[in-house]
Amino acid sequence: MSNNKNGYEIRTDILGMAKELVMEEYHSSRSHWEQTAARDATGRLLDPGPVPPGIEKVLEIANRMYDFVNLSKK
């Protein structure tokens, strides 16, 4: 059995890694925001906090990761 992956499999793996990385960063910043954000007298947060990342951010990171993989082949 071969462990070599084709281009589609590699890009799929990189996309998954990028999504995981972006979401970890978002959850970390959201956690920090929840602990430090201003609250009203009832304890409710006063501002909406960090916006969840969209597909554009995931694709940006995935492309940067893919570029890194391509550079290491040269």
PDB file of N, CA and C in Angstrom:
ATOM      1  N   MET A   1       0.843  -1.178   0.000  1.00  0.00           N
ATOM      2  CA  MET A   1       0.000   0.000   0.000  1.00  0.00           C
ATOM      3  C   MET A   1       0.884   1.236   0.000  1.00  0.00           C
ATOM      4  N   SER A   2       0.569   2.185  -0.864  1.00  0.00           N
ATOM      5  CA  SER A   2       1.356   3.400  -0.995  1.00  0.00           C
ATOM      6  C   SER A   2       0.865   4.482  -0.040  1.00  0.00           C
ATOM      7  N   ASN A   3       1.801   5.218   0.550  1.00  0.00           N
ATOM      8  CA  ASN A   3       1.461   6.336   1.428  1.00  0.00           C
ATOM      9  C   ASN A   3       1.477   7.657   0.691  1.00  0.00           C
ATOM     10  N   ASN A   4       1.791   7.633  -0.603  1.00  0.00           N
ATOM     11  CA  ASN A   4       1.827   8.868  -1.381  1.00  0.00           C
ATOM     12  C   ASN A   4       0.410   9.359  -1.623  1.00  0.00           C
ATOM     13  N   LYS A   5       0.217  10.651  -1.429  1.00  0.00           N
ATOM     14  CA  LYS A   5      -1.102  11.245  -1.637  1.00  0.00           C
ATOM     15  C   LYS A   5      -1.075  12.058  -2.924  1.00  0.00           C
ATOM     16  N   ASN A   6      -2.226  12.077  -3.590  1.00  0.00           N
ATOM     17  CA  ASN A   6      -2.306  12.908  -4.787  1.00  0.00           C
ATOM     18  C   ASN A   6      -2.565  14.353  -4.371  1.00  0.00           C
ATOM     19  N   GLY A   7      -2.535  15.260  -5.342  1.00  0.00           N
ATOM     20  CA  GLY A   7      -2.690  16.680  -5.055  1.00  0.00           C
ATOM     21  C   GLY A   7      -3.995  17.026  -4.363  1.00  0.00           C
ATOM     22  N   TYR A   8      -5.079  16.361  -4.754  1.00  0.00           N
ATOM     23  CA  TYR A   8      -6.375  16.636  -4.131  1.00  0.00           C
ATOM     24  C   TYR A   8      -6.375  16.246  -2.658  1.00  0.00           C
ATOM     25  N   GLU A   9      -5.778  15.095  -2.351  1.00  0.00           N
ATOM     26  CA  GLU A   9      -5.717  14.643  -0.957  1.00  0.00           C
ATOM     27  C   GLU A   9      -4.859  15.581  -0.113  1.00  0.00           C
ATOM     28  N   ILE A  10      -3.762  16.032  -0.671  1.00  0.00           N
ATOM     29  CA  ILE A  10      -2.887  16.962   0.050  1.00  0.00           C
ATOM     30  C   ILE A  10      -3.617  18.269   0.321  1.00  0.00           C
ATOM     31  N   ARG A  11      -4.285  18.812  -0.697  1.00  0.00           N
ATOM     32  CA  ARG A  11      -5.020  20.065  -0.504  1.00  0.00           C
ATOM     33  C   ARG A  11      -6.162  19.898   0.501  1.00  0.00           C
ATOM     34  N   THR A  12      -6.826  18.755   0.472  1.00  0.00           N
ATOM     35  CA  THR A  12      -7.896  18.490   1.439  1.00  0.00           C
ATOM     36  C   THR A  12      -7.336  18.447   2.852  1.00  0.00           C
ATOM     37  N   ASP A  13      -6.213  17.784   3.031  1.00  0.00           N
ATOM     38  CA  ASP A  13      -5.574  17.730   4.356  1.00  0.00           C
ATOM     39  C   ASP A  13      -5.169  19.130   4.822  1.00  0.00           C
ATOM     40  N   ILE A  14      -4.584  19.906   3.928  1.00  0.00           N
ATOM     41  CA  ILE A  14      -4.145  21.257   4.282  1.00  0.00           C
ATOM     42  C   ILE A  14      -5.345  22.131   4.617  1.00  0.00           C
ATOM     43  N   LEU A  15      -6.425  21.992   3.871  1.00  0.00           N
ATOM     44  CA  LEU A  15      -7.636  22.760   4.171  1.00  0.00           C
ATOM     45  C   LEU A  15      -8.153  22.414   5.570  1.00  0.00           C
ATOM     46  N   GLY A  16      -8.143  21.136   5.923  1.00  0.00           N
ATOM     47  CA  GLY A  16      -8.565  20.715   7.260  1.00  0.00           C
ATOM     48  C   GLY A  16      -7.658  21.278   8.348  1.00  0.00           C
ATOM     49  N   MET A  17      -6.357  21.269   8.095  1.00  0.00           N
ATOM     50  CA  MET A  17      -5.424  21.827   9.073  1.00  0.00           C
ATOM     51  C   MET A  17      -5.626  23.326   9.228  1.00  0.00           C
ATOM     52  N   ALA A  18      -5.862  24.015   8.109  1.00  0.00           N
ATOM     53  CA  ALA A  18      -6.082  25.464   8.159  1.00  0.00           C
ATOM     54  C   ALA A  18      -7.352  25.781   8.942  1.00  0.00           C
ATOM     55  N   LYS A  19      -8.411  25.033   8.688  1.00  0.00           N
ATOM     56  CA  LYS A  19      -9.666  25.256   9.414  1.00  0.00           C
ATOM     57  C   LYS A  19      -9.453  25.048  10.910  1.00  0.00           C
ATOM     58  N   GLU A  20      -8.762  23.985  11.265  1.00  0.00           N
ATOM     59  CA  GLU A  20      -8.492  23.699  12.674  1.00  0.00           C
ATOM     60  C   GLU A  20      -7.672  24.823  13.318  1.00  0.00           C
ATOM     61  N   LEU A  21      -6.650  25.299  12.633  1.00  0.00           N
ATOM     62  CA  LEU A  21      -5.812  26.364  13.159  1.00  0.00           C
ATOM     63  C   LEU A  21      -6.597  27.653  13.346  1.00  0.00           C
ATOM     64  N   VAL A  22      -7.377  28.034  12.339  1.00  0.00           N
ATOM     65  CA  VAL A  22      -8.166  29.263  12.412  1.00  0.00           C
ATOM     66  C   VAL A  22      -9.187  29.177  13.546  1.00  0.00           C
ATOM     67  N   MET A  23      -9.834  28.036  13.691  1.00  0.00           N
ATOM     68  CA  MET A  23     -10.839  27.891  14.745  1.00  0.00           C
ATOM     69  C   MET A  23     -10.193  27.874  16.131  1.00  0.00           C
ATOM     70  N   GLU A  24      -9.018  27.267  16.266  1.00  0.00           N
ATOM     71  CA  GLU A  24      -8.312  27.305  17.550  1.00  0.00           C
ATOM     72  C   GLU A  24      -7.970  28.742  17.931  1.00  0.00           C
ATOM     73  N   GLU A  25      -7.499  29.518  16.957  1.00  0.00           N
ATOM     74  CA  GLU A  25      -7.182  30.923  17.216  1.00  0.00           C
ATOM     75  C   GLU A  25      -8.434  31.700  17.618  1.00  0.00           C
ATOM     76  N   TYR A  26      -9.549  31.434  16.927  1.00  0.00           N
ATOM     77  CA  TYR A  26     -10.804  32.117  17.248  1.00  0.00           C
ATOM     78  C   TYR A  26     -11.263  31.767  18.665  1.00  0.00           C
ATOM     79  N   HIS A  27     -11.267  30.494  19.001  1.00  0.00           N
ATOM     80  CA  HIS A  27     -11.724  30.079  20.331  1.00  0.00           C
ATOM     81  C   HIS A  27     -10.823  30.642  21.428  1.00  0.00           C
ATOM     82  N   SER A  28      -9.543  30.716  21.160  1.00  0.00           N
ATOM     83  CA  SER A  28      -8.618  31.299  22.128  1.00  0.00           C
ATOM     84  C   SER A  28      -8.909  32.783  22.339  1.00  0.00           C
ATOM     85  N   SER A  29      -9.097  33.522  21.236  1.00  0.00           N
ATOM     86  CA  SER A  29      -9.380  34.949  21.376  1.00  0.00           C
ATOM     87  C   SER A  29     -10.751  35.177  22.003  1.00  0.00           C
ATOM     88  N   ARG A  30     -11.713  34.323  21.698  1.00  0.00           N
ATOM     89  CA  ARG A  30     -13.049  34.451  22.290  1.00  0.00           C
ATOM     90  C   ARG A  30     -12.979  34.180  23.794  1.00  0.00           C
ATOM     91  N   SER A  31     -12.235  33.185  24.188  1.00  0.00           N
ATOM     92  CA  SER A  31     -12.082  32.866  25.608  1.00  0.00           C
ATOM     93  C   SER A  31     -11.447  34.038  26.353  1.00  0.00           C
ATOM     94  N   HIS A  32     -10.398  34.598  25.772  1.00  0.00           N
ATOM     95  CA  HIS A  32      -9.733  35.750  26.383  1.00  0.00           C
ATOM     96  C   HIS A  32     -10.699  36.917  26.483  1.00  0.00           C
ATOM     97  N   TRP A  33     -11.459  37.169  25.416  1.00  0.00           N
ATOM     98  CA  TRP A  33     -12.432  38.264  25.412  1.00  0.00           C
ATOM     99  C   TRP A  33     -13.480  38.058  26.506  1.00  0.00           C
ATOM    100  N   GLU A  34     -13.998  36.833  26.641  1.00  0.00           N
ATOM    101  CA  GLU A  34     -15.023  36.565  27.653  1.00  0.00           C
ATOM    102  C   GLU A  34     -14.508  36.841  29.067  1.00  0.00           C
ATOM    103  N   GLN A  35     -13.230  36.598  29.290  1.00  0.00           N
ATOM    104  CA  GLN A  35     -12.654  36.785  30.618  1.00  0.00           C
ATOM    105  C   GLN A  35     -12.328  38.243  30.914  1.00  0.00           C
ATOM    106  N   THR A  36     -12.122  39.046  29.871  1.00  0.00           N
ATOM    107  CA  THR A  36     -11.664  40.420  30.095  1.00  0.00           C
ATOM    108  C   THR A  36     -12.659  41.493  29.652  1.00  0.00           C
ATOM    109  N   ALA A  37     -13.743  41.122  28.987  1.00  0.00           N
ATOM    110  CA  ALA A  37     -14.688  42.102  28.441  1.00  0.00           C
ATOM    111  C   ALA A  37     -15.489  42.785  29.545  1.00  0.00           C
ATOM    112  N   ALA A  38     -15.897  44.002  29.248  1.00  0.00           N
ATOM    113  CA  ALA A  38     -16.727  44.771  30.188  1.00  0.00           C
ATOM    114  C   ALA A  38     -18.119  44.148  30.274  1.00  0.00           C
ATOM    115  N   ARG A  39     -18.675  44.197  31.473  1.00  0.00           N
ATOM    116  CA  ARG A  39     -20.004  43.637  31.705  1.00  0.00           C
ATOM    117  C   ARG A  39     -20.885  44.670  32.381  1.00  0.00           C
ATOM    118  N   ASP A  40     -22.199  44.489  32.216  1.00  0.00           N
ATOM    119  CA  ASP A  40     -23.126  45.392  32.897  1.00  0.00           C
ATOM    120  C   ASP A  40     -23.373  44.884  34.322  1.00  0.00           C
ATOM    121  N   ALA A  41     -24.273  45.520  35.038  1.00  0.00           N
ATOM    122  CA  ALA A  41     -24.535  45.177  36.441  1.00  0.00           C
ATOM    123  C   ALA A  41     -25.065  43.755  36.615  1.00  0.00           C
ATOM    124  N   THR A  42     -25.691  43.204  35.588  1.00  0.00           N
ATOM    125  CA  THR A  42     -26.225  41.836  35.687  1.00  0.00           C
ATOM    126  C   THR A  42     -25.200  40.786  35.260  1.00  0.00           C
ATOM    127  N   GLY A  43     -24.049  41.254  34.777  1.00  0.00           N
ATOM    128  CA  GLY A  43     -23.003  40.320  34.359  1.00  0.00           C
ATOM    129  C   GLY A  43     -22.997  40.016  32.870  1.00  0.00           C
ATOM    130  N   ARG A  44     -23.918  40.619  32.135  1.00  0.00           N
ATOM    131  CA  ARG A  44     -23.946  40.385  30.694  1.00  0.00           C
ATOM    132  C   ARG A  44     -22.846  41.186  30.001  1.00  0.00           C
ATOM    133  N   LEU A  45     -22.295  40.594  28.970  1.00  0.00           N
ATOM    134  CA  LEU A  45     -21.235  41.238  28.197  1.00  0.00           C
ATOM    135  C   LEU A  45     -21.800  42.419  27.421  1.00  0.00           C
ATOM    136  N   LEU A  46     -21.019  43.490  27.344  1.00  0.00           N
ATOM    137  CA  LEU A  46     -21.493  44.718  26.711  1.00  0.00           C
ATOM    138  C   LEU A  46     -21.245  44.788  25.209  1.00  0.00           C
ATOM    139  N   ASP A  47     -20.311  44.034  24.697  1.00  0.00           N
ATOM    140  CA  ASP A  47     -20.083  44.050  23.250  1.00  0.00           C
ATOM    141  C   ASP A  47     -20.104  42.625  22.710  1.00  0.00           C
ATOM    142  N   PRO A  48     -20.324  42.466  21.409  1.00  0.00           N
ATOM    143  CA  PRO A  48     -20.501  41.126  20.839  1.00  0.00           C
ATOM    144  C   PRO A  48     -19.234  40.271  20.769  1.00  0.00           C
ATOM    145  N   GLY A  49     -18.084  40.871  20.902  1.00  0.00           N
ATOM    146  CA  GLY A  49     -16.846  40.096  20.898  1.00  0.00           C
ATOM    147  C   GLY A  49     -16.360  39.737  19.511  1.00  0.00           C
ATOM    148  N   PRO A  50     -15.386  38.825  19.449  1.00  0.00           N
ATOM    149  CA  PRO A  50     -14.782  38.458  18.174  1.00  0.00           C
ATOM    150  C   PRO A  50     -15.795  37.818  17.222  1.00  0.00           C
ATOM    151  N   VAL A  51     -15.623  38.114  15.965  1.00  0.00           N
ATOM    152  CA  VAL A  51     -16.484  37.543  14.931  1.00  0.00           C
ATOM    153  C   VAL A  51     -15.882  36.212  14.482  1.00  0.00           C
ATOM    154  N   PRO A  52     -16.704  35.167  14.370  1.00  0.00           N
ATOM    155  CA  PRO A  52     -16.170  33.889  13.886  1.00  0.00           C
ATOM    156  C   PRO A  52     -15.562  34.053  12.491  1.00  0.00           C
ATOM    157  N   PRO A  53     -14.470  33.355  12.232  1.00  0.00           N
ATOM    158  CA  PRO A  53     -13.822  33.490  10.930  1.00  0.00           C
ATOM    159  C   PRO A  53     -14.684  32.879   9.823  1.00  0.00           C
ATOM    160  N   GLY A  54     -14.584  33.469   8.654  1.00  0.00           N
ATOM    161  CA  GLY A  54     -15.297  32.953   7.494  1.00  0.00           C
ATOM    162  C   GLY A  54     -14.387  32.090   6.638  1.00  0.00           C
ATOM    163  N   ILE A  55     -14.947  31.611   5.559  1.00  0.00           N
ATOM    164  CA  ILE A  55     -14.199  30.750   4.647  1.00  0.00           C
ATOM    165  C   ILE A  55     -13.005  31.481   4.049  1.00  0.00           C
ATOM    166  N   GLU A  56     -13.114  32.808   3.900  1.00  0.00           N
ATOM    167  CA  GLU A  56     -12.011  33.570   3.326  1.00  0.00           C
ATOM    168  C   GLU A  56     -10.747  33.434   4.173  1.00  0.00           C
ATOM    169  N   LYS A  57     -10.899  33.506   5.488  1.00  0.00           N
ATOM    170  CA  LYS A  57      -9.751  33.380   6.391  1.00  0.00           C
ATOM    171  C   LYS A  57      -9.166  31.975   6.315  1.00  0.00           C
ATOM    172  N   VAL A  58     -10.022  30.963   6.293  1.00  0.00           N
ATOM    173  CA  VAL A  58      -9.551  29.573   6.204  1.00  0.00           C
ATOM    174  C   VAL A  58      -8.781  29.371   4.908  1.00  0.00           C
ATOM    175  N   LEU A  59      -9.329  29.872   3.796  1.00  0.00           N
ATOM    176  CA  LEU A  59      -8.646  29.717   2.507  1.00  0.00           C
ATOM    177  C   LEU A  59      -7.328  30.481   2.463  1.00  0.00           C
ATOM    178  N   GLU A  60      -7.286  31.658   3.072  1.00  0.00           N
ATOM    179  CA  GLU A  60      -6.038  32.424   3.128  1.00  0.00           C
ATOM    180  C   GLU A  60      -4.944  31.618   3.829  1.00  0.00           C
ATOM    181  N   ILE A  61      -5.273  31.046   4.969  1.00  0.00           N
ATOM    182  CA  ILE A  61      -4.286  30.248   5.717  1.00  0.00           C
ATOM    183  C   ILE A  61      -3.938  28.978   4.952  1.00  0.00           C
ATOM    184  N   ALA A  62      -4.933  28.334   4.368  1.00  0.00           N
ATOM    185  CA  ALA A  62      -4.671  27.109   3.596  1.00  0.00           C
ATOM    186  C   ALA A  62      -3.732  27.397   2.436  1.00  0.00           C
ATOM    187  N   ASN A  63      -3.953  28.497   1.739  1.00  0.00           N
ATOM    188  CA  ASN A  63      -3.064  28.858   0.621  1.00  0.00           C
ATOM    189  C   ASN A  63      -1.649  29.118   1.091  1.00  0.00           C
ATOM    190  N   ARG A  64      -1.503  29.772   2.222  1.00  0.00           N
ATOM    191  CA  ARG A  64      -0.158  30.016   2.762  1.00  0.00           C
ATOM    192  C   ARG A  64       0.513  28.697   3.136  1.00  0.00           C
ATOM    193  N   MET A  65      -0.247  27.779   3.717  1.00  0.00           N
ATOM    194  CA  MET A  65       0.313  26.468   4.078  1.00  0.00           C
ATOM    195  C   MET A  65       0.693  25.686   2.820  1.00  0.00           C
ATOM    196  N   TYR A  66      -0.161  25.733   1.799  1.00  0.00           N
ATOM    197  CA  TYR A  66       0.114  25.026   0.555  1.00  0.00           C
ATOM    198  C   TYR A  66       1.351  25.598  -0.131  1.00  0.00           C
ATOM    199  N   ASP A  67       1.486  26.924  -0.115  1.00  0.00           N
ATOM    200  CA  ASP A  67       2.691  27.553  -0.667  1.00  0.00           C
ATOM    201  C   ASP A  67       3.938  27.071   0.045  1.00  0.00           C
ATOM    202  N   PHE A  68       3.853  26.915   1.363  1.00  0.00           N
ATOM    203  CA  PHE A  68       4.992  26.420   2.120  1.00  0.00           C
ATOM    204  C   PHE A  68       5.354  24.994   1.678  1.00  0.00           C
ATOM    205  N   VAL A  69       4.353  24.153   1.477  1.00  0.00           N
ATOM    206  CA  VAL A  69       4.600  22.783   1.033  1.00  0.00           C
ATOM    207  C   VAL A  69       5.259  22.789  -0.336  1.00  0.00           C
ATOM    208  N   ASN A  70       4.774  23.632  -1.223  1.00  0.00           N
ATOM    209  CA  ASN A  70       5.360  23.718  -2.566  1.00  0.00           C
ATOM    210  C   ASN A  70       6.790  24.214  -2.540  1.00  0.00           C
ATOM    211  N   LEU A  71       7.114  25.161  -1.651  1.00  0.00           N
ATOM    212  CA  LEU A  71       8.483  25.663  -1.558  1.00  0.00           C
ATOM    213  C   LEU A  71       9.447  24.590  -1.075  1.00  0.00           C
ATOM    214  N   SER A  72       8.972  23.723  -0.189  1.00  0.00           N
ATOM    215  CA  SER A  72       9.871  22.694   0.345  1.00  0.00           C
ATOM    216  C   SER A  72      10.173  21.610  -0.677  1.00  0.00           C
ATOM    217  N   LYS A  73       9.400  21.539  -1.775  1.00  0.00           N
ATOM    218  CA  LYS A  73       9.648  20.550  -2.824  1.00  0.00           C
ATOM    219  C   LYS A  73      10.762  20.974  -3.758  1.00  0.00           C
ATOM    220  N   LYS A  74      11.044  22.280  -3.798  1.00  0.00           N
ATOM    221  CA  LYS A  74      12.027  22.800  -4.756  1.00  0.00           C
ATOM    222  C   LYS A  74      13.437  22.564  -4.306  1.00  0.00           C
TER     223      LYS A  74
END
